Amino acid sequence: MKNSRSCAQLDREAGHRLPVSHSRMYSTFINGTRLAYSMNPAPSGAPILVYLHGGPGGACIPLTQRYNAALERHFRFINIDQRGCGLSYYPFPPQESITIELMLADMVAFVRRLRRVYPQAPITLLGHSWGSVLGLEFAKRYPELIKRFIGVGQVVDMSASHQARLHPVLEVFPSWLRQSFGSESALADGLLRVEELKALGLIRSLMQEINRSVTYLSSPYYRWRGIKGLLIGANQSHARLDKELDQVDFSNIHSFEVPVAFLEGRYDRHLPPELVEHYASQLKSEHKFVWFEHSAHCPQWEEPTRFVAVVEELCHEDFN
């Protein structure tokens, strides 16, 4: 863990040094494939926090080990590299049907296994971006398996999100210029990235991107194999899942049998947080909505100290 330690010692937020992760890598066979995951030592009854990464294919174990190790104080904190990406990479055969249902089934099987091994431990799911799709669907269909769900950069209605992202492009650029550019979506991505840089600051945003890249490269677990699995795995995951992901819509689901919470960056230009705020206001079941005023799409890494504090507060009743 020497490389992880050297990175962590350099991380500071509001004058606080970020702690060093004590998690290690494990793997298990689920639904015919090997899934790699990180997990820290903890008492058998410690509350479990399962992190579902974004993407699809956005494996991020090195990032949570660097920025979110403080969660290990109270949780058995687990981050899974999902099927076909990161350290769980394998090339998807053309005949294999890679669907949201399959990815969800992997997570359900994994959580069932956790419940068998740690029967007294309450389990919280935390899903980021794409992972929030799996997490909210899990909460809707399998509430008996978890204590609560926390969504970060939550997906509510992908169609509405796309329209909101395209709106500035349609307002600013005339049709002839949009057509000459070739892709309204790509133009929107560029414009939104500029707006994000303006909101958060160019230097800060660039340093965050550099730090995250260095974190992957310096991870003692990822090395070449993990980096290859991250890059190729993300490409194949997007190719197989994006079309189905674009159809996701939770807007007609107004209650859940477990508490849900949504943690949103004020400057998130990928998934407009105002849509999530409106969705939360319509829920009839227990819920919370929390703004992160100095974050974009990734408050868990942009405001890690506050992020950990908020998650601990949401789960405080699980602590002995």
C-alpha atoms as a PDB file:
ATOM      1  CA  MET A   1       0.000   0.000   0.000  1.00  0.00           C
ATOM      2  CA  LYS A   2       3.033   2.289  -0.199  1.00  0.00           C
ATOM      3  CA  ASN A   3       1.835   4.156  -3.288  1.00  0.00           C
ATOM      4  CA  SER A   4      -1.664   4.682  -1.880  1.00  0.00           C
ATOM      5  CA  ARG A   5      -0.181   6.019   1.343  1.00  0.00           C
ATOM      6  CA  SER A   6       2.055   8.520  -0.431  1.00  0.00           C
ATOM      7  CA  CYS A   7      -0.947   9.872  -2.375  1.00  0.00           C
ATOM      8  CA  ALA A   8      -3.176  10.056   0.681  1.00  0.00           C
ATOM      9  CA  GLN A   9      -0.602  11.962   2.717  1.00  0.00           C
ATOM     10  CA  LEU A  10      -0.680  14.728   0.100  1.00  0.00           C
ATOM     11  CA  ASP A  11      -4.469  15.080   0.163  1.00  0.00           C
ATOM     12  CA  ARG A  12      -5.885  17.857   2.266  1.00  0.00           C
ATOM     13  CA  GLU A  13      -9.316  19.430   2.425  1.00  0.00           C
ATOM     14  CA  ALA A  14     -10.106  22.398   4.663  1.00  0.00           C
ATOM     15  CA  GLY A  15      -6.888  21.738   6.551  1.00  0.00           C
ATOM     16  CA  HIS A  16      -7.652  18.075   7.214  1.00  0.00           C
ATOM     17  CA  ARG A  17      -5.444  15.256   6.011  1.00  0.00           C
ATOM     18  CA  LEU A  18      -7.436  12.480   4.364  1.00  0.00           C
ATOM     19  CA  PRO A  19      -6.901   9.121   6.086  1.00  0.00           C
ATOM     20  CA  VAL A  20      -5.181   6.143   4.515  1.00  0.00           C
ATOM     21  CA  SER A  21      -7.319   3.254   3.301  1.00  0.00           C
ATOM     22  CA  HIS A  22      -6.885  -0.152   4.913  1.00  0.00           C
ATOM     23  CA  SER A  23      -8.998  -1.925   2.321  1.00  0.00           C
ATOM     24  CA  ARG A  24      -7.708  -4.886   0.366  1.00  0.00           C
ATOM     25  CA  MET A  25      -8.751  -6.521  -2.880  1.00  0.00           C
ATOM     26  CA  TYR A  26     -10.925  -9.624  -3.042  1.00  0.00           C
ATOM     27  CA  SER A  27     -12.859 -11.428  -5.745  1.00  0.00           C
ATOM     28  CA  THR A  28     -15.874 -13.691  -5.953  1.00  0.00           C
ATOM     29  CA  PHE A  29     -17.738 -15.542  -8.695  1.00  0.00           C
ATOM     30  CA  ILE A  30     -21.205 -14.157  -9.351  1.00  0.00           C
ATOM     31  CA  ASN A  31     -23.511 -15.287 -12.159  1.00  0.00           C
ATOM     32  CA  GLY A  32     -20.683 -16.930 -14.062  1.00  0.00           C
ATOM     33  CA  THR A  33     -18.101 -14.154 -13.848  1.00  0.00           C
ATOM     34  CA  ARG A  34     -15.421 -13.037 -11.411  1.00  0.00           C
ATOM     35  CA  LEU A  35     -16.117  -9.718  -9.703  1.00  0.00           C
ATOM     36  CA  ALA A  36     -13.281  -7.875  -7.979  1.00  0.00           C
ATOM     37  CA  TYR A  37     -14.008  -5.654  -4.984  1.00  0.00           C
ATOM     38  CA  SER A  38     -12.239  -3.726  -2.247  1.00  0.00           C
ATOM     39  CA  MET A  39     -13.137  -4.173   1.425  1.00  0.00           C
ATOM     40  CA  ASN A  40     -11.620  -3.000   4.696  1.00  0.00           C
ATOM     41  CA  PRO A  41     -11.305  -5.091   7.879  1.00  0.00           C
ATOM     42  CA  ALA A  42     -14.247  -4.534  10.243  1.00  0.00           C
ATOM     43  CA  PRO A  43     -16.121  -6.329  13.044  1.00  0.00           C
ATOM     44  CA  SER A  44     -18.654  -8.860  11.775  1.00  0.00           C
ATOM     45  CA  GLY A  45     -21.606  -6.711  12.842  1.00  0.00           C
ATOM     46  CA  ALA A  46     -20.297  -3.435  11.417  1.00  0.00           C
ATOM     47  CA  PRO A  47     -22.721  -1.675   9.061  1.00  0.00           C
ATOM     48  CA  ILE A  48     -21.933  -2.341   5.405  1.00  0.00           C
ATOM     49  CA  LEU A  49     -21.750   0.346   2.742  1.00  0.00           C
ATOM     50  CA  VAL A  50     -21.722  -0.988  -0.833  1.00  0.00           C
ATOM     51  CA  TYR A  51     -20.575   1.471  -3.506  1.00  0.00           C
ATOM     52  CA  LEU A  52     -21.926   1.094  -7.053  1.00  0.00           C
ATOM     53  CA  HIS A  53     -19.685   3.002  -9.450  1.00  0.00           C
ATOM     54  CA  GLY A  54     -20.730   5.150 -12.376  1.00  0.00           C
ATOM     55  CA  GLY A  55     -20.159   4.732 -16.064  1.00  0.00           C
ATOM     56  CA  PRO A  56     -21.291   2.298 -17.193  1.00  0.00           C
ATOM     57  CA  GLY A  57     -17.831   0.821 -16.819  1.00  0.00           C
ATOM     58  CA  GLY A  58     -16.451   3.587 -14.587  1.00  0.00           C
ATOM     59  CA  ALA A  59     -14.550   1.376 -12.135  1.00  0.00           C
ATOM     60  CA  CYS A  60     -13.097   3.578  -9.396  1.00  0.00           C
ATOM     61  CA  ILE A  61     -11.624   1.539  -6.546  1.00  0.00           C
ATOM     62  CA  PRO A  62      -8.393   3.610  -6.501  1.00  0.00           C
ATOM     63  CA  LEU A  63     -10.442   6.806  -6.123  1.00  0.00           C
ATOM     64  CA  THR A  64     -12.562   5.624  -3.202  1.00  0.00           C
ATOM     65  CA  GLN A  65      -9.444   4.238  -1.527  1.00  0.00           C
ATOM     66  CA  ARG A  66      -7.794   7.642  -1.825  1.00  0.00           C
ATOM     67  CA  TYR A  67     -10.657  10.051  -1.177  1.00  0.00           C
ATOM     68  CA  ASN A  68     -13.198   8.090   0.873  1.00  0.00           C
ATOM     69  CA  ALA A  69     -11.105   5.994   3.258  1.00  0.00           C
ATOM     70  CA  ALA A  70     -12.702   7.865   6.173  1.00  0.00           C
ATOM     71  CA  LEU A  71     -15.834   5.789   5.565  1.00  0.00           C
ATOM     72  CA  GLU A  72     -13.855   2.825   6.901  1.00  0.00           C
ATOM     73  CA  ARG A  73     -14.067   4.312  10.422  1.00  0.00           C
ATOM     74  CA  HIS A  74     -17.642   3.122  10.867  1.00  0.00           C
ATOM     75  CA  PHE A  75     -18.411   0.936   7.851  1.00  0.00           C
ATOM     76  CA  ARG A  76     -17.314  -2.191   6.164  1.00  0.00           C
ATOM     77  CA  PHE A  77     -16.887  -0.203   2.959  1.00  0.00           C
ATOM     78  CA  ILE A  78     -17.079  -2.235  -0.253  1.00  0.00           C
ATOM     79  CA  ASN A  79     -16.548  -0.991  -3.800  1.00  0.00           C
ATOM     80  CA  ILE A  80     -17.219  -3.446  -6.639  1.00  0.00           C
ATOM     81  CA  ASP A  81     -15.697  -3.322 -10.102  1.00  0.00           C
ATOM     82  CA  GLN A  82     -18.813  -4.286 -12.039  1.00  0.00           C
ATOM     83  CA  ARG A  83     -18.970  -6.946 -14.710  1.00  0.00           C
ATOM     84  CA  GLY A  84     -16.615  -6.363 -17.632  1.00  0.00           C
ATOM     85  CA  CYS A  85     -14.646  -3.377 -16.304  1.00  0.00           C
ATOM     86  CA  GLY A  86     -11.645  -2.532 -14.141  1.00  0.00           C
ATOM     87  CA  LEU A  87     -10.311  -5.607 -12.375  1.00  0.00           C
ATOM     88  CA  SER A  88     -13.511  -7.453 -13.326  1.00  0.00           C
ATOM     89  CA  TYR A  89     -12.753  -6.956 -17.020  1.00  0.00           C
ATOM     90  CA  TYR A  90     -13.317  -9.617 -19.639  1.00  0.00           C
ATOM     91  CA  PRO A  91     -14.211  -9.033 -23.300  1.00  0.00           C
ATOM     92  CA  PHE A  92     -17.976  -9.276 -23.719  1.00  0.00           C
ATOM     93  CA  PRO A  93     -18.697 -12.097 -26.197  1.00  0.00           C
ATOM     94  CA  PRO A  94     -20.947 -10.968 -29.065  1.00  0.00           C
ATOM     95  CA  GLN A  95     -23.583 -13.511 -28.049  1.00  0.00           C
ATOM     96  CA  GLU A  96     -23.724 -12.426 -24.381  1.00  0.00           C
ATOM     97  CA  SER A  97     -26.691 -10.223 -23.541  1.00  0.00           C
ATOM     98  CA  ILE A  98     -25.331  -7.381 -21.392  1.00  0.00           C
ATOM     99  CA  THR A  99     -28.320  -5.569 -19.924  1.00  0.00           C
ATOM    100  CA  ILE A 100     -29.283  -3.483 -16.931  1.00  0.00           C
ATOM    101  CA  GLU A 101     -31.146  -6.542 -15.666  1.00  0.00           C
ATOM    102  CA  LEU A 102     -27.944  -8.607 -15.731  1.00  0.00           C
ATOM    103  CA  MET A 103     -25.911  -5.899 -13.994  1.00  0.00           C
ATOM    104  CA  LEU A 104     -28.628  -5.579 -11.356  1.00  0.00           C
ATOM    105  CA  ALA A 105     -28.724  -9.363 -10.901  1.00  0.00           C
ATOM    106  CA  ASP A 106     -24.979  -9.307 -10.171  1.00  0.00           C
ATOM    107  CA  MET A 107     -25.479  -6.742  -7.413  1.00  0.00           C
ATOM    108  CA  VAL A 108     -28.470  -8.580  -5.948  1.00  0.00           C
ATOM    109  CA  ALA A 109     -26.492 -11.828  -5.800  1.00  0.00           C
ATOM    110  CA  PHE A 110     -23.547 -10.007  -4.217  1.00  0.00           C
ATOM    111  CA  VAL A 111     -25.729  -8.402  -1.524  1.00  0.00           C
ATOM    112  CA  ARG A 112     -27.459 -11.716  -0.792  1.00  0.00           C
ATOM    113  CA  ARG A 113     -24.030 -13.227  -0.237  1.00  0.00           C
ATOM    114  CA  LEU A 114     -23.111 -10.398   2.133  1.00  0.00           C
ATOM    115  CA  ARG A 115     -26.281 -11.026   4.111  1.00  0.00           C
ATOM    116  CA  ARG A 116     -25.383 -14.690   4.487  1.00  0.00           C
ATOM    117  CA  VAL A 117     -21.850 -13.930   5.655  1.00  0.00           C
ATOM    118  CA  TYR A 118     -22.772 -10.938   7.863  1.00  0.00           C
ATOM    119  CA  PRO A 119     -26.371 -11.631   8.921  1.00  0.00           C
ATOM    120  CA  GLN A 120     -26.432  -8.976  11.664  1.00  0.00           C
ATOM    121  CA  ALA A 121     -24.985  -6.137   9.591  1.00  0.00           C
ATOM    122  CA  PRO A 122     -27.300  -3.480   8.085  1.00  0.00           C
ATOM    123  CA  ILE A 123     -26.502  -2.800   4.425  1.00  0.00           C
ATOM    124  CA  THR A 124     -26.640   0.588   2.709  1.00  0.00           C
ATOM    125  CA  LEU A 125     -26.308   0.897  -1.067  1.00  0.00           C
ATOM    126  CA  LEU A 126     -24.623   3.990  -2.465  1.00  0.00           C
ATOM    127  CA  GLY A 127     -24.820   4.475  -6.227  1.00  0.00           C
ATOM    128  CA  HIS A 128     -23.084   7.154  -8.283  1.00  0.00           C
ATOM    129  CA  SER A 129     -24.469   8.240 -11.673  1.00  0.00           C
ATOM    130  CA  TRP A 130     -24.937   4.985 -13.652  1.00  0.00           C
ATOM    131  CA  GLY A 131     -24.627   3.174 -10.315  1.00  0.00           C
ATOM    132  CA  SER A 132     -27.596   5.193  -9.066  1.00  0.00           C
ATOM    133  CA  VAL A 133     -29.719   3.470 -11.723  1.00  0.00           C
ATOM    134  CA  LEU A 134     -28.791   0.062 -10.331  1.00  0.00           C
ATOM    135  CA  GLY A 135     -29.197   1.295  -6.763  1.00  0.00           C
ATOM    136  CA  LEU A 136     -32.621   2.902  -7.119  1.00  0.00           C
ATOM    137  CA  GLU A 137     -33.911  -0.083  -9.091  1.00  0.00           C
ATOM    138  CA  PHE A 138     -32.530  -2.329  -6.344  1.00  0.00           C
ATOM    139  CA  ALA A 139     -34.323  -0.269  -3.684  1.00  0.00           C
ATOM    140  CA  LYS A 140     -37.561  -0.478  -5.651  1.00  0.00           C
ATOM    141  CA  ARG A 141     -37.479  -4.237  -6.241  1.00  0.00           C
ATOM    142  CA  TYR A 142     -35.486  -5.695  -3.330  1.00  0.00           C
ATOM    143  CA  PRO A 143     -36.075  -3.445  -0.308  1.00  0.00           C
ATOM    144  CA  GLU A 144     -35.924  -6.420   2.056  1.00  0.00           C
ATOM    145  CA  LEU A 145     -32.191  -6.803   1.350  1.00  0.00           C
ATOM    146  CA  ILE A 146     -31.030  -3.302   2.313  1.00  0.00           C
ATOM    147  CA  LYS A 147     -31.502  -0.671   5.006  1.00  0.00           C
ATOM    148  CA  ARG A 148     -31.415   2.388   2.726  1.00  0.00           C
ATOM    149  CA  PHE A 149     -30.205   3.763  -0.596  1.00  0.00           C
ATOM    150  CA  ILE A 150     -28.055   6.849  -1.231  1.00  0.00           C
ATOM    151  CA  GLY A 151     -27.869   8.255  -4.758  1.00  0.00           C
ATOM    152  CA  VAL A 152     -25.062  10.577  -5.870  1.00  0.00           C
ATOM    153  CA  GLY A 153     -25.447  12.338  -9.215  1.00  0.00           C
ATOM    154  CA  GLN A 154     -28.763  10.510  -9.393  1.00  0.00           C
ATOM    155  CA  VAL A 155     -30.357   9.434 -12.657  1.00  0.00           C
ATOM    156  CA  VAL A 156     -34.103  10.140 -12.588  1.00  0.00           C
ATOM    157  CA  ASP A 157     -35.225  10.533 -16.207  1.00  0.00           C
ATOM    158  CA  MET A 158     -32.537  10.211 -18.866  1.00  0.00           C
ATOM    159  CA  SER A 159     -34.686  11.697 -21.616  1.00  0.00           C
ATOM    160  CA  ALA A 160     -35.405  14.789 -19.530  1.00  0.00           C
ATOM    161  CA  SER A 161     -31.722  15.022 -18.591  1.00  0.00           C
ATOM    162  CA  HIS A 162     -30.696  14.947 -22.252  1.00  0.00           C
ATOM    163  CA  GLN A 163     -33.200  17.665 -23.096  1.00  0.00           C
ATOM    164  CA  ALA A 164     -31.949  19.834 -20.245  1.00  0.00           C
ATOM    165  CA  ARG A 165     -28.356  19.355 -21.381  1.00  0.00           C
ATOM    166  CA  LEU A 166     -29.197  20.241 -24.981  1.00  0.00           C
ATOM    167  CA  HIS A 167     -31.247  23.317 -24.107  1.00  0.00           C
ATOM    168  CA  PRO A 168     -28.262  25.718 -23.824  1.00  0.00           C
ATOM    169  CA  VAL A 169     -26.954  24.482 -27.183  1.00  0.00           C
ATOM    170  CA  LEU A 170     -30.318  25.044 -28.865  1.00  0.00           C
ATOM    171  CA  GLU A 171     -30.507  28.506 -27.302  1.00  0.00           C
ATOM    172  CA  VAL A 172     -26.966  29.651 -28.090  1.00  0.00           C
ATOM    173  CA  PHE A 173     -26.043  28.057 -31.421  1.00  0.00           C
ATOM    174  CA  PRO A 174     -28.006  28.536 -34.678  1.00  0.00           C
ATOM    175  CA  SER A 175     -29.106  25.382 -36.487  1.00  0.00           C
ATOM    176  CA  TRP A 176     -26.591  25.778 -39.336  1.00  0.00           C
ATOM    177  CA  LEU A 177     -23.712  25.857 -36.846  1.00  0.00           C
ATOM    178  CA  ARG A 178     -25.063  22.857 -34.942  1.00  0.00           C
ATOM    179  CA  GLN A 179     -25.350  20.897 -38.186  1.00  0.00           C
ATOM    180  CA  SER A 180     -21.844  21.830 -39.298  1.00  0.00           C
ATOM    181  CA  PHE A 181     -20.483  20.662 -35.962  1.00  0.00           C
ATOM    182  CA  GLY A 182     -22.050  17.268 -36.614  1.00  0.00           C
ATOM    183  CA  SER A 183     -23.362  16.340 -33.169  1.00  0.00           C
ATOM    184  CA  GLU A 184     -25.588  18.393 -30.900  1.00  0.00           C
ATOM    185  CA  SER A 185     -24.814  16.026 -28.044  1.00  0.00           C
ATOM    186  CA  ALA A 186     -21.055  16.439 -28.438  1.00  0.00           C
ATOM    187  CA  LEU A 187     -21.507  20.202 -28.696  1.00  0.00           C
ATOM    188  CA  ALA A 188     -23.557  20.123 -25.501  1.00  0.00           C
ATOM    189  CA  ASP A 189     -20.831  18.131 -23.756  1.00  0.00           C
ATOM    190  CA  GLY A 190     -18.259  20.734 -24.714  1.00  0.00           C
ATOM    191  CA  LEU A 191     -20.417  23.678 -23.676  1.00  0.00           C
ATOM    192  CA  LEU A 192     -21.343  22.074 -20.370  1.00  0.00           C
ATOM    193  CA  ARG A 193     -17.706  21.306 -19.668  1.00  0.00           C
ATOM    194  CA  VAL A 194     -16.847  24.968 -20.211  1.00  0.00           C
ATOM    195  CA  GLU A 195     -19.662  26.009 -17.861  1.00  0.00           C
ATOM    196  CA  GLU A 196     -18.439  23.538 -15.239  1.00  0.00           C
ATOM    197  CA  LEU A 197     -14.895  24.887 -15.506  1.00  0.00           C
ATOM    198  CA  LYS A 198     -16.213  28.438 -15.125  1.00  0.00           C
ATOM    199  CA  ALA A 199     -18.304  27.496 -12.088  1.00  0.00           C
ATOM    200  CA  LEU A 200     -15.641  25.542 -10.210  1.00  0.00           C
ATOM    201  CA  GLY A 201     -12.540  27.309 -11.482  1.00  0.00           C
ATOM    202  CA  LEU A 202     -10.174  26.228 -14.224  1.00  0.00           C
ATOM    203  CA  ILE A 203      -7.172  25.468 -12.011  1.00  0.00           C
ATOM    204  CA  ARG A 204      -9.172  23.544  -9.431  1.00  0.00           C
ATOM    205  CA  SER A 205     -10.970  21.480 -12.069  1.00  0.00           C
ATOM    206  CA  LEU A 206      -7.794  20.644 -13.963  1.00  0.00           C
ATOM    207  CA  MET A 207      -5.972  19.693 -10.766  1.00  0.00           C
ATOM    208  CA  GLN A 208      -8.832  17.381  -9.821  1.00  0.00           C
ATOM    209  CA  GLU A 209      -8.633  15.653 -13.199  1.00  0.00           C
ATOM    210  CA  ILE A 210      -4.856  15.282 -12.931  1.00  0.00           C
ATOM    211  CA  ASN A 211      -5.061  13.969  -9.368  1.00  0.00           C
ATOM    212  CA  ARG A 212      -7.637  11.355 -10.332  1.00  0.00           C
ATOM    213  CA  SER A 213      -5.517  10.159 -13.254  1.00  0.00           C
ATOM    214  CA  VAL A 214      -2.435   9.928 -11.032  1.00  0.00           C
ATOM    215  CA  THR A 215      -4.479   7.994  -8.475  1.00  0.00           C
ATOM    216  CA  TYR A 216      -5.243   5.249 -10.982  1.00  0.00           C
ATOM    217  CA  LEU A 217      -1.657   5.113 -12.216  1.00  0.00           C
ATOM    218  CA  SER A 218      -0.211   4.932  -8.695  1.00  0.00           C
ATOM    219  CA  SER A 219      -2.634   2.310  -7.387  1.00  0.00           C
ATOM    220  CA  PRO A 220      -0.778  -0.832  -6.255  1.00  0.00           C
ATOM    221  CA  TYR A 221      -3.788  -2.890  -7.347  1.00  0.00           C
ATOM    222  CA  TYR A 222      -4.641  -1.526 -10.768  1.00  0.00           C
ATOM    223  CA  ARG A 223      -1.307  -1.383 -12.594  1.00  0.00           C
ATOM    224  CA  TRP A 224      -1.534  -2.144 -16.330  1.00  0.00           C
ATOM    225  CA  ARG A 225      -4.251  -4.780 -15.992  1.00  0.00           C
ATOM    226  CA  GLY A 226      -6.615  -2.500 -14.130  1.00  0.00           C
ATOM    227  CA  ILE A 227      -5.967   0.496 -16.389  1.00  0.00           C
ATOM    228  CA  LYS A 228      -6.593  -1.666 -19.449  1.00  0.00           C
ATOM    229  CA  GLY A 229      -9.780  -2.997 -17.858  1.00  0.00           C
ATOM    230  CA  LEU A 230     -10.860   0.532 -17.029  1.00  0.00           C
ATOM    231  CA  LEU A 231     -10.394   1.912 -20.543  1.00  0.00           C
ATOM    232  CA  ILE A 232     -11.551  -1.041 -22.631  1.00  0.00           C
ATOM    233  CA  GLY A 233     -14.187  -2.019 -20.090  1.00  0.00           C
ATOM    234  CA  ALA A 234     -15.730   1.448 -20.145  1.00  0.00           C
ATOM    235  CA  ASN A 235     -15.894   1.411 -23.941  1.00  0.00           C
ATOM    236  CA  GLN A 236     -17.570  -1.977 -24.172  1.00  0.00           C
ATOM    237  CA  SER A 237     -19.944  -1.191 -21.294  1.00  0.00           C
ATOM    238  CA  HIS A 238     -21.113   2.022 -22.941  1.00  0.00           C
ATOM    239  CA  ALA A 239     -21.506   0.241 -26.278  1.00  0.00           C
ATOM    240  CA  ARG A 240     -23.741  -2.436 -24.754  1.00  0.00           C
ATOM    241  CA  LEU A 241     -25.677  -0.447 -22.163  1.00  0.00           C
ATOM    242  CA  ASP A 242     -26.056   3.169 -23.301  1.00  0.00           C
ATOM    243  CA  LYS A 243     -29.089   2.581 -25.503  1.00  0.00           C
ATOM    244  CA  GLU A 244     -30.980   0.934 -22.649  1.00  0.00           C
ATOM    245  CA  LEU A 245     -29.691   3.504 -20.170  1.00  0.00           C
ATOM    246  CA  ASP A 246     -31.158   6.284 -22.304  1.00  0.00           C
ATOM    247  CA  GLN A 247     -34.627   4.812 -21.654  1.00  0.00           C
ATOM    248  CA  VAL A 248     -34.359   4.856 -17.848  1.00  0.00           C
ATOM    249  CA  ASP A 249     -37.141   6.819 -16.157  1.00  0.00           C
ATOM    250  CA  PHE A 250     -38.004   6.676 -12.450  1.00  0.00           C
ATOM    251  CA  SER A 251     -40.239   9.744 -12.542  1.00  0.00           C
ATOM    252  CA  ASN A 252     -43.425   7.699 -12.083  1.00  0.00           C
ATOM    253  CA  ILE A 253     -42.101   5.933  -8.971  1.00  0.00           C
ATOM    254  CA  HIS A 254     -43.300   7.997  -5.999  1.00  0.00           C
ATOM    255  CA  SER A 255     -42.474   5.844  -2.991  1.00  0.00           C
ATOM    256  CA  PHE A 256     -39.961   3.289  -1.755  1.00  0.00           C
ATOM    257  CA  GLU A 257     -40.061   0.823   1.103  1.00  0.00           C
ATOM    258  CA  VAL A 258     -36.652   1.958   2.349  1.00  0.00           C
ATOM    259  CA  PRO A 259     -35.354   5.478   3.014  1.00  0.00           C
ATOM    260  CA  VAL A 260     -33.623   7.091   0.043  1.00  0.00           C
ATOM    261  CA  ALA A 261     -31.298  10.095  -0.042  1.00  0.00           C
ATOM    262  CA  PHE A 262     -29.913  12.111  -2.932  1.00  0.00           C
ATOM    263  CA  LEU A 263     -26.574  13.947  -2.708  1.00  0.00           C
ATOM    264  CA  GLU A 264     -26.158  16.434  -5.552  1.00  0.00           C
ATOM    265  CA  GLY A 265     -23.410  18.781  -6.683  1.00  0.00           C
ATOM    266  CA  ARG A 266     -24.670  22.286  -7.341  1.00  0.00           C
ATOM    267  CA  TYR A 267     -22.662  22.498 -10.593  1.00  0.00           C
ATOM    268  CA  ASP A 268     -23.419  19.053 -12.003  1.00  0.00           C
ATOM    269  CA  ARG A 269     -23.706  19.555 -15.761  1.00  0.00           C
ATOM    270  CA  HIS A 270     -23.937  15.846 -16.600  1.00  0.00           C
ATOM    271  CA  LEU A 271     -27.235  15.110 -14.860  1.00  0.00           C
ATOM    272  CA  PRO A 272     -29.096  18.317 -13.946  1.00  0.00           C
ATOM    273  CA  PRO A 273     -29.543  18.240 -10.158  1.00  0.00           C
ATOM    274  CA  GLU A 274     -32.687  20.361 -10.342  1.00  0.00           C
ATOM    275  CA  LEU A 275     -34.464  17.340 -11.845  1.00  0.00           C
ATOM    276  CA  VAL A 276     -33.416  15.277  -8.841  1.00  0.00           C
ATOM    277  CA  GLU A 277     -34.502  17.979  -6.397  1.00  0.00           C
ATOM    278  CA  HIS A 278     -37.933  18.122  -8.041  1.00  0.00           C
ATOM    279  CA  TYR A 279     -38.204  14.323  -8.031  1.00  0.00           C
ATOM    280  CA  ALA A 280     -37.326  14.148  -4.335  1.00  0.00           C
ATOM    281  CA  SER A 281     -39.965  16.767  -3.523  1.00  0.00           C
ATOM    282  CA  GLN A 282     -42.627  14.518  -5.086  1.00  0.00           C
ATOM    283  CA  LEU A 283     -41.730  11.390  -3.118  1.00  0.00           C
ATOM    284  CA  LYS A 284     -44.293  10.218  -0.580  1.00  0.00           C
ATOM    285  CA  SER A 285     -41.889   7.938   1.313  1.00  0.00           C
ATOM    286  CA  GLU A 286     -38.956   8.806   3.587  1.00  0.00           C
ATOM    287  CA  HIS A 287     -36.266  10.730   1.728  1.00  0.00           C
ATOM    288  CA  LYS A 288     -33.607  13.417   2.026  1.00  0.00           C
ATOM    289  CA  PHE A 289     -32.008  15.761  -0.471  1.00  0.00           C
ATOM    290  CA  VAL A 290     -28.593  17.323   0.171  1.00  0.00           C
ATOM    291  CA  TRP A 291     -26.811  19.975  -1.880  1.00  0.00           C
ATOM    292  CA  PHE A 292     -23.020  20.053  -2.209  1.00  0.00           C
ATOM    293  CA  GLU A 293     -22.344  23.690  -2.985  1.00  0.00           C
ATOM    294  CA  HIS A 294     -18.761  23.269  -4.201  1.00  0.00           C
ATOM    295  CA  SER A 295     -19.183  20.169  -6.355  1.00  0.00           C
ATOM    296  CA  ALA A 296     -20.169  19.136  -9.848  1.00  0.00           C
ATOM    297  CA  HIS A 297     -20.921  15.504 -10.751  1.00  0.00           C
ATOM    298  CA  CYS A 298     -18.650  13.863  -8.155  1.00  0.00           C
ATOM    299  CA  PRO A 299     -19.105  15.346  -4.649  1.00  0.00           C
ATOM    300  CA  GLN A 300     -17.612  12.182  -3.147  1.00  0.00           C
ATOM    301  CA  TRP A 301     -14.234  13.272  -4.575  1.00  0.00           C
ATOM    302  CA  GLU A 302     -14.754  17.029  -4.867  1.00  0.00           C
ATOM    303  CA  GLU A 303     -15.871  17.498  -1.237  1.00  0.00           C
ATOM    304  CA  PRO A 304     -14.743  14.215   0.356  1.00  0.00           C
ATOM    305  CA  THR A 305     -14.697  15.361   3.986  1.00  0.00           C
ATOM    306  CA  ARG A 306     -18.240  16.718   3.898  1.00  0.00           C
ATOM    307  CA  PHE A 307     -19.386  13.759   1.813  1.00  0.00           C
ATOM    308  CA  VAL A 308     -18.240  11.307   4.478  1.00  0.00           C
ATOM    309  CA  ALA A 309     -19.890  13.390   7.208  1.00  0.00           C
ATOM    310  CA  VAL A 310     -23.214  13.431   5.343  1.00  0.00           C
ATOM    311  CA  VAL A 311     -23.147   9.673   4.703  1.00  0.00           C
ATOM    312  CA  GLU A 312     -22.329   9.005   8.359  1.00  0.00           C
ATOM    313  CA  GLU A 313     -25.210  11.237   9.447  1.00  0.00           C
ATOM    314  CA  LEU A 314     -27.636   9.429   7.134  1.00  0.00           C
ATOM    315  CA  CYS A 315     -26.564   6.087   8.610  1.00  0.00           C
ATOM    316  CA  HIS A 316     -25.926   7.133  12.223  1.00  0.00           C
ATOM    317  CA  GLU A 317     -28.597   4.836  13.657  1.00  0.00           C
ATOM    318  CA  ASP A 318     -26.595   1.826  12.414  1.00  0.00           C
ATOM    319  CA  PHE A 319     -23.581   2.672  14.603  1.00  0.00           C
ATOM    320  CA  ASN A 320     -23.255   1.035  18.007  1.00  0.00           C
END
